[in-house]
Amino acid sequence: MTSGTLQRAIAQFQDQLVAAGDCGRVGQGSAKSIAAADAWVRAPNALRESYSSANPIDLKIPWVAEWLTLYSIDELYASQVGYRYATGSPDLLPGWDPNWIVIGGASSDPIIADGSSSLASVLMGVHGIGAWSPRLITPSLADFLILLSRWLELYRFRGGVLLDSDRVLLPDVAAAIERDVAGHLPPPARRNFLSFICE
């Protein structure tokens, strides 16, 4: 992935946030805040570049059950508590890979950038199952931003109506998510994403 690919994904995401109108926004992260993250993690260049030009500000995206939140660079360290660290401890929690950086969450399930990947592949984990075993949902941060852009576009197109009265995805919405939202992903990542959305 080139820097241009990430910048195009960021621009697409920004456009969809503006069109949605009430999900928050992105702005420039300060170089000081990005450098401060180096004290506790080695972030891949794609993540640094994203925070530099598209730092989330009060960003909450309507999701299946509740909201998907993306954390700003200034919230990043505190957002690791309960996943990477226990409150007040600098020690890594057992079972947490030191390369995993929680960049957001949906219903307490962490959205994780993989610091061992130069493209900052994105994983999702499920909380409350005893051990962390997050699964790949996009091979790069750019793909994740494209996924969120397509999600917002579908959400707006559907007028925010994605679920039936039993809080289950409507069949045509599930088909649109598989085809239009996640269609650009490799099959294993697409299956993982759909399992988080549809289960």
C-alpha atoms as a PDB file:
ATOM      1  CA  MET A   1       0.000   0.000   0.000  1.00  0.00           C
ATOM      2  CA  THR A   2       1.377   3.369  -0.930  1.00  0.00           C
ATOM      3  CA  SER A   3       0.911   6.567   0.996  1.00  0.00           C
ATOM      4  CA  GLY A   4      -1.322   7.683  -1.884  1.00  0.00           C
ATOM      5  CA  THR A   5      -3.628   4.709  -1.321  1.00  0.00           C
ATOM      6  CA  LEU A   6      -4.007   5.584   2.351  1.00  0.00           C
ATOM      7  CA  GLN A   7      -4.568   9.267   1.563  1.00  0.00           C
ATOM      8  CA  ARG A   8      -7.305   8.382  -0.963  1.00  0.00           C
ATOM      9  CA  ALA A   9      -8.966   6.147   1.659  1.00  0.00           C
ATOM     10  CA  ILE A  10      -8.756   8.974   4.221  1.00  0.00           C
ATOM     11  CA  ALA A  11     -10.312  11.433   1.737  1.00  0.00           C
ATOM     12  CA  GLN A  12     -13.155   8.994   0.986  1.00  0.00           C
ATOM     13  CA  PHE A  13     -13.750   8.496   4.712  1.00  0.00           C
ATOM     14  CA  GLN A  14     -13.765  12.256   5.344  1.00  0.00           C
ATOM     15  CA  ASP A  15     -16.320  12.741   2.545  1.00  0.00           C
ATOM     16  CA  GLN A  16     -18.628  10.105   4.051  1.00  0.00           C
ATOM     17  CA  LEU A  17     -18.312  11.646   7.525  1.00  0.00           C
ATOM     18  CA  VAL A  18     -19.304  15.036   6.112  1.00  0.00           C
ATOM     19  CA  ALA A  19     -22.261  13.472   4.270  1.00  0.00           C
ATOM     20  CA  ALA A  20     -23.381  11.640   7.438  1.00  0.00           C
ATOM     21  CA  GLY A  21     -23.250  14.919   9.323  1.00  0.00           C
ATOM     22  CA  ASP A  22     -23.431  13.704  12.916  1.00  0.00           C
ATOM     23  CA  CYS A  23     -20.699  11.104  13.384  1.00  0.00           C
ATOM     24  CA  GLY A  24     -17.863  13.393  14.421  1.00  0.00           C
ATOM     25  CA  ARG A  25     -14.977  14.448  12.272  1.00  0.00           C
ATOM     26  CA  VAL A  26     -11.287  14.013  11.635  1.00  0.00           C
ATOM     27  CA  GLY A  27      -8.535  16.600  11.900  1.00  0.00           C
ATOM     28  CA  GLN A  28      -4.775  16.778  12.165  1.00  0.00           C
ATOM     29  CA  GLY A  29      -3.136  15.003  15.080  1.00  0.00           C
ATOM     30  CA  SER A  30      -0.268  16.882  16.676  1.00  0.00           C
ATOM     31  CA  ALA A  31       3.272  15.687  16.030  1.00  0.00           C
ATOM     32  CA  LYS A  32       3.842  15.905  19.798  1.00  0.00           C
ATOM     33  CA  SER A  33       0.965  13.495  20.534  1.00  0.00           C
ATOM     34  CA  ILE A  34       2.091  11.080  17.827  1.00  0.00           C
ATOM     35  CA  ALA A  35       5.661  11.156  19.169  1.00  0.00           C
ATOM     36  CA  ALA A  36       4.378  10.567  22.719  1.00  0.00           C
ATOM     37  CA  ALA A  37       2.882   7.267  21.581  1.00  0.00           C
ATOM     38  CA  ASP A  38       6.448   6.079  20.961  1.00  0.00           C
ATOM     39  CA  ALA A  39       6.896   5.860  24.735  1.00  0.00           C
ATOM     40  CA  TRP A  40       4.683   2.786  24.872  1.00  0.00           C
ATOM     41  CA  VAL A  41       4.291   1.343  21.369  1.00  0.00           C
ATOM     42  CA  ARG A  42       5.953   1.191  17.971  1.00  0.00           C
ATOM     43  CA  ALA A  43       3.142   2.228  15.640  1.00  0.00           C
ATOM     44  CA  PRO A  44       3.405   1.347  11.952  1.00  0.00           C
ATOM     45  CA  ASN A  45       3.857   4.198   9.485  1.00  0.00           C
ATOM     46  CA  ALA A  46       0.319   3.794   8.110  1.00  0.00           C
ATOM     47  CA  LEU A  47      -1.147   4.407  11.572  1.00  0.00           C
ATOM     48  CA  ARG A  48       1.107   7.405  12.185  1.00  0.00           C
ATOM     49  CA  GLU A  49       0.174   8.875   8.805  1.00  0.00           C
ATOM     50  CA  SER A  50      -3.516   8.352   9.487  1.00  0.00           C
ATOM     51  CA  TYR A  51      -3.331  10.063  12.886  1.00  0.00           C
ATOM     52  CA  SER A  52      -1.335  12.895  11.365  1.00  0.00           C
ATOM     53  CA  SER A  53      -3.969  13.773   8.745  1.00  0.00           C
ATOM     54  CA  ALA A  54      -7.172  12.081   9.961  1.00  0.00           C
ATOM     55  CA  ASN A  55      -7.116  12.072  13.764  1.00  0.00           C
ATOM     56  CA  PRO A  56     -10.625  11.080  14.982  1.00  0.00           C
ATOM     57  CA  ILE A  57     -12.441  13.824  16.890  1.00  0.00           C
ATOM     58  CA  ASP A  58     -15.550  12.703  18.821  1.00  0.00           C
ATOM     59  CA  LEU A  59     -15.971  10.018  16.166  1.00  0.00           C
ATOM     60  CA  LYS A  60     -18.856   7.584  16.647  1.00  0.00           C
ATOM     61  CA  ILE A  61     -20.262   5.638  13.720  1.00  0.00           C
ATOM     62  CA  PRO A  62     -23.727   4.057  13.962  1.00  0.00           C
ATOM     63  CA  TRP A  63     -23.125   0.314  14.063  1.00  0.00           C
ATOM     64  CA  VAL A  64     -25.217  -2.839  14.240  1.00  0.00           C
ATOM     65  CA  ALA A  65     -25.954  -2.826  17.956  1.00  0.00           C
ATOM     66  CA  GLU A  66     -24.608   0.441  19.268  1.00  0.00           C
ATOM     67  CA  TRP A  67     -21.758   2.599  17.998  1.00  0.00           C
ATOM     68  CA  LEU A  68     -18.320   2.027  16.593  1.00  0.00           C
ATOM     69  CA  THR A  69     -15.920   4.495  18.188  1.00  0.00           C
ATOM     70  CA  LEU A  70     -12.484   5.432  16.872  1.00  0.00           C
ATOM     71  CA  TYR A  71     -10.064   6.927  19.378  1.00  0.00           C
ATOM     72  CA  SER A  72      -8.029  10.075  18.840  1.00  0.00           C
ATOM     73  CA  ILE A  73      -4.264  10.002  19.246  1.00  0.00           C
ATOM     74  CA  ASP A  74      -4.712  11.797  22.583  1.00  0.00           C
ATOM     75  CA  GLU A  75      -7.102   9.068  23.820  1.00  0.00           C
ATOM     76  CA  LEU A  76      -5.034   6.190  22.516  1.00  0.00           C
ATOM     77  CA  TYR A  77      -2.987   5.346  25.624  1.00  0.00           C
ATOM     78  CA  ALA A  78      -5.959   5.520  28.015  1.00  0.00           C
ATOM     79  CA  SER A  79      -7.983   3.377  25.607  1.00  0.00           C
ATOM     80  CA  GLN A  80      -5.547   0.476  26.046  1.00  0.00           C
ATOM     81  CA  VAL A  81      -6.669  -0.025  29.662  1.00  0.00           C
ATOM     82  CA  GLY A  82      -8.569  -3.267  30.078  1.00  0.00           C
ATOM     83  CA  TYR A  83      -6.998  -4.718  26.950  1.00  0.00           C
ATOM     84  CA  ARG A  84      -3.260  -4.046  26.848  1.00  0.00           C
ATOM     85  CA  TYR A  85      -2.843  -2.838  30.445  1.00  0.00           C
ATOM     86  CA  ALA A  86      -4.667  -2.992  33.756  1.00  0.00           C
ATOM     87  CA  THR A  87      -5.549   0.341  35.355  1.00  0.00           C
ATOM     88  CA  GLY A  88      -2.441   1.923  36.869  1.00  0.00           C
ATOM     89  CA  SER A  89      -0.045  -0.725  35.577  1.00  0.00           C
ATOM     90  CA  PRO A  90       2.519  -0.402  32.777  1.00  0.00           C
ATOM     91  CA  ASP A  91       2.745  -4.202  32.466  1.00  0.00           C
ATOM     92  CA  LEU A  92       1.267  -5.954  29.472  1.00  0.00           C
ATOM     93  CA  LEU A  93      -1.737  -8.099  30.399  1.00  0.00           C
ATOM     94  CA  PRO A  94      -1.344 -11.865  29.859  1.00  0.00           C
ATOM     95  CA  GLY A  95      -2.450 -12.982  26.406  1.00  0.00           C
ATOM     96  CA  TRP A  96      -2.156  -9.533  24.848  1.00  0.00           C
ATOM     97  CA  ASP A  97       0.257  -9.306  21.909  1.00  0.00           C
ATOM     98  CA  PRO A  98       2.584  -6.291  22.323  1.00  0.00           C
ATOM     99  CA  ASN A  99       1.999  -5.428  18.644  1.00  0.00           C
ATOM    100  CA  TRP A 100      -1.753  -4.933  19.145  1.00  0.00           C
ATOM    101  CA  ILE A 101      -2.906  -1.308  19.448  1.00  0.00           C
ATOM    102  CA  VAL A 102      -6.559  -0.675  20.315  1.00  0.00           C
ATOM    103  CA  ILE A 103      -7.705   2.101  17.977  1.00  0.00           C
ATOM    104  CA  GLY A 104     -11.435   1.824  18.587  1.00  0.00           C
ATOM    105  CA  GLY A 105     -14.244  -0.337  19.832  1.00  0.00           C
ATOM    106  CA  ALA A 106     -17.777  -1.532  19.222  1.00  0.00           C
ATOM    107  CA  SER A 107     -19.811  -2.669  22.235  1.00  0.00           C
ATOM    108  CA  SER A 108     -16.575  -3.202  24.246  1.00  0.00           C
ATOM    109  CA  ASP A 109     -15.099  -5.355  21.469  1.00  0.00           C
ATOM    110  CA  PRO A 110     -11.718  -3.854  20.570  1.00  0.00           C
ATOM    111  CA  ILE A 111     -10.723  -2.744  17.100  1.00  0.00           C
ATOM    112  CA  ILE A 112      -7.008  -3.369  16.875  1.00  0.00           C
ATOM    113  CA  ALA A 113      -4.269  -2.132  14.548  1.00  0.00           C
ATOM    114  CA  ASP A 114      -1.523  -4.726  14.193  1.00  0.00           C
ATOM    115  CA  GLY A 115       1.760  -2.920  14.812  1.00  0.00           C
ATOM    116  CA  SER A 116       3.751  -5.774  13.279  1.00  0.00           C
ATOM    117  CA  SER A 117       2.197  -4.995   9.890  1.00  0.00           C
ATOM    118  CA  SER A 118       3.589  -2.037   7.947  1.00  0.00           C
ATOM    119  CA  LEU A 119       0.103  -1.591   6.474  1.00  0.00           C
ATOM    120  CA  ALA A 120      -1.483  -1.596   9.950  1.00  0.00           C
ATOM    121  CA  SER A 121      -3.825  -4.506   9.297  1.00  0.00           C
ATOM    122  CA  VAL A 122      -6.978  -4.267  11.414  1.00  0.00           C
ATOM    123  CA  LEU A 123      -8.348  -6.973  13.700  1.00  0.00           C
ATOM    124  CA  MET A 124     -11.486  -7.252  15.829  1.00  0.00           C
ATOM    125  CA  GLY A 125     -11.667  -9.123  19.105  1.00  0.00           C
ATOM    126  CA  VAL A 126     -14.577 -10.321  21.202  1.00  0.00           C
ATOM    127  CA  HIS A 127     -14.503  -9.436  24.883  1.00  0.00           C
ATOM    128  CA  GLY A 128     -15.631 -11.738  27.673  1.00  0.00           C
ATOM    129  CA  ILE A 129     -14.606 -15.099  26.191  1.00  0.00           C
ATOM    130  CA  GLY A 130     -11.623 -15.708  28.476  1.00  0.00           C
ATOM    131  CA  ALA A 131      -8.748 -15.202  26.025  1.00  0.00           C
ATOM    132  CA  TRP A 132      -7.981 -12.734  23.276  1.00  0.00           C
ATOM    133  CA  SER A 133      -7.982 -14.172  19.778  1.00  0.00           C
ATOM    134  CA  PRO A 134      -8.778 -11.243  17.488  1.00  0.00           C
ATOM    135  CA  ARG A 135      -9.386 -11.981  13.833  1.00  0.00           C
ATOM    136  CA  LEU A 136      -8.212 -10.082  10.773  1.00  0.00           C
ATOM    137  CA  ILE A 137     -10.968  -7.960   9.223  1.00  0.00           C
ATOM    138  CA  THR A 138      -8.888  -5.846   6.814  1.00  0.00           C
ATOM    139  CA  PRO A 139      -5.351  -6.350   5.520  1.00  0.00           C
ATOM    140  CA  SER A 140      -4.568  -2.629   5.860  1.00  0.00           C
ATOM    141  CA  LEU A 141      -5.715   0.526   7.594  1.00  0.00           C
ATOM    142  CA  ALA A 142      -6.645   1.930   4.166  1.00  0.00           C
ATOM    143  CA  ASP A 143      -8.975  -1.040   3.604  1.00  0.00           C
ATOM    144  CA  PHE A 144     -10.525  -0.421   7.031  1.00  0.00           C
ATOM    145  CA  LEU A 145     -11.267   3.212   6.187  1.00  0.00           C
ATOM    146  CA  ILE A 146     -12.777   2.135   2.847  1.00  0.00           C
ATOM    147  CA  LEU A 147     -14.911  -0.406   4.730  1.00  0.00           C
ATOM    148  CA  LEU A 148     -16.160   2.303   7.127  1.00  0.00           C
ATOM    149  CA  SER A 149     -16.842   4.651   4.203  1.00  0.00           C
ATOM    150  CA  ARG A 150     -18.953   2.037   2.453  1.00  0.00           C
ATOM    151  CA  TRP A 151     -20.726   1.252   5.735  1.00  0.00           C
ATOM    152  CA  LEU A 152     -21.660   4.918   6.200  1.00  0.00           C
ATOM    153  CA  GLU A 153     -22.861   5.140   2.610  1.00  0.00           C
ATOM    154  CA  LEU A 154     -25.108   2.098   3.087  1.00  0.00           C
ATOM    155  CA  TYR A 155     -26.371   3.429   6.421  1.00  0.00           C
ATOM    156  CA  ARG A 156     -27.360   6.735   4.817  1.00  0.00           C
ATOM    157  CA  PHE A 157     -28.903   5.015   1.774  1.00  0.00           C
ATOM    158  CA  ARG A 158     -31.048   2.867   4.091  1.00  0.00           C
ATOM    159  CA  GLY A 159     -32.081   5.859   6.198  1.00  0.00           C
ATOM    160  CA  GLY A 160     -30.446   4.225   9.209  1.00  0.00           C
ATOM    161  CA  VAL A 161     -32.763   1.193   9.045  1.00  0.00           C
ATOM    162  CA  LEU A 162     -30.590  -1.932   9.118  1.00  0.00           C
ATOM    163  CA  LEU A 163     -32.345  -4.155  11.671  1.00  0.00           C
ATOM    164  CA  ASP A 164     -35.760  -5.791  11.928  1.00  0.00           C
ATOM    165  CA  SER A 165     -37.965  -5.575  15.035  1.00  0.00           C
ATOM    166  CA  ASP A 166     -35.971  -8.427  16.632  1.00  0.00           C
ATOM    167  CA  ARG A 167     -32.727  -6.420  16.195  1.00  0.00           C
ATOM    168  CA  VAL A 168     -31.487  -8.785  13.461  1.00  0.00           C
ATOM    169  CA  LEU A 169     -29.982  -7.513  10.210  1.00  0.00           C
ATOM    170  CA  LEU A 170     -32.568  -7.349   7.459  1.00  0.00           C
ATOM    171  CA  PRO A 171     -31.746  -9.960   4.764  1.00  0.00           C
ATOM    172  CA  ASP A 172     -31.274  -7.397   1.992  1.00  0.00           C
ATOM    173  CA  VAL A 173     -29.037  -5.341   4.294  1.00  0.00           C
ATOM    174  CA  ALA A 174     -26.901  -8.405   5.101  1.00  0.00           C
ATOM    175  CA  ALA A 175     -26.561  -9.084   1.360  1.00  0.00           C
ATOM    176  CA  ALA A 176     -25.607  -5.450   0.687  1.00  0.00           C
ATOM    177  CA  ILE A 177     -23.005  -5.537   3.464  1.00  0.00           C
ATOM    178  CA  GLU A 178     -21.417  -8.657   2.007  1.00  0.00           C
ATOM    179  CA  ARG A 179     -21.524  -7.366  -1.580  1.00  0.00           C
ATOM    180  CA  ASP A 180     -21.038  -3.614  -1.298  1.00  0.00           C
ATOM    181  CA  VAL A 181     -19.403  -2.905   2.059  1.00  0.00           C
ATOM    182  CA  ALA A 182     -17.009  -5.846   2.412  1.00  0.00           C
ATOM    183  CA  GLY A 183     -16.767  -6.923  -1.231  1.00  0.00           C
ATOM    184  CA  HIS A 184     -13.264  -5.439  -1.644  1.00  0.00           C
ATOM    185  CA  LEU A 185     -11.787  -7.622   1.109  1.00  0.00           C
ATOM    186  CA  PRO A 186      -9.990 -10.945   0.633  1.00  0.00           C
ATOM    187  CA  PRO A 187     -12.370 -13.866   1.400  1.00  0.00           C
ATOM    188  CA  PRO A 188     -10.947 -14.778   4.870  1.00  0.00           C
ATOM    189  CA  ALA A 189     -11.100 -11.159   6.072  1.00  0.00           C
ATOM    190  CA  ARG A 190     -14.587 -10.746   4.570  1.00  0.00           C
ATOM    191  CA  ARG A 191     -15.819 -13.844   6.425  1.00  0.00           C
ATOM    192  CA  ASN A 192     -14.361 -12.554   9.693  1.00  0.00           C
ATOM    193  CA  PHE A 193     -15.947  -9.132   9.247  1.00  0.00           C
ATOM    194  CA  LEU A 194     -19.331 -10.629   8.395  1.00  0.00           C
ATOM    195  CA  SER A 195     -19.158 -12.904  11.442  1.00  0.00           C
ATOM    196  CA  PHE A 196     -18.764  -9.830  13.679  1.00  0.00           C
ATOM    197  CA  ILE A 197     -21.621  -8.030  11.961  1.00  0.00           C
ATOM    198  CA  CYS A 198     -24.096 -10.889  11.579  1.00  0.00           C
ATOM    199  CA  GLU A 199     -23.640 -12.859  14.811  1.00  0.00           C
END
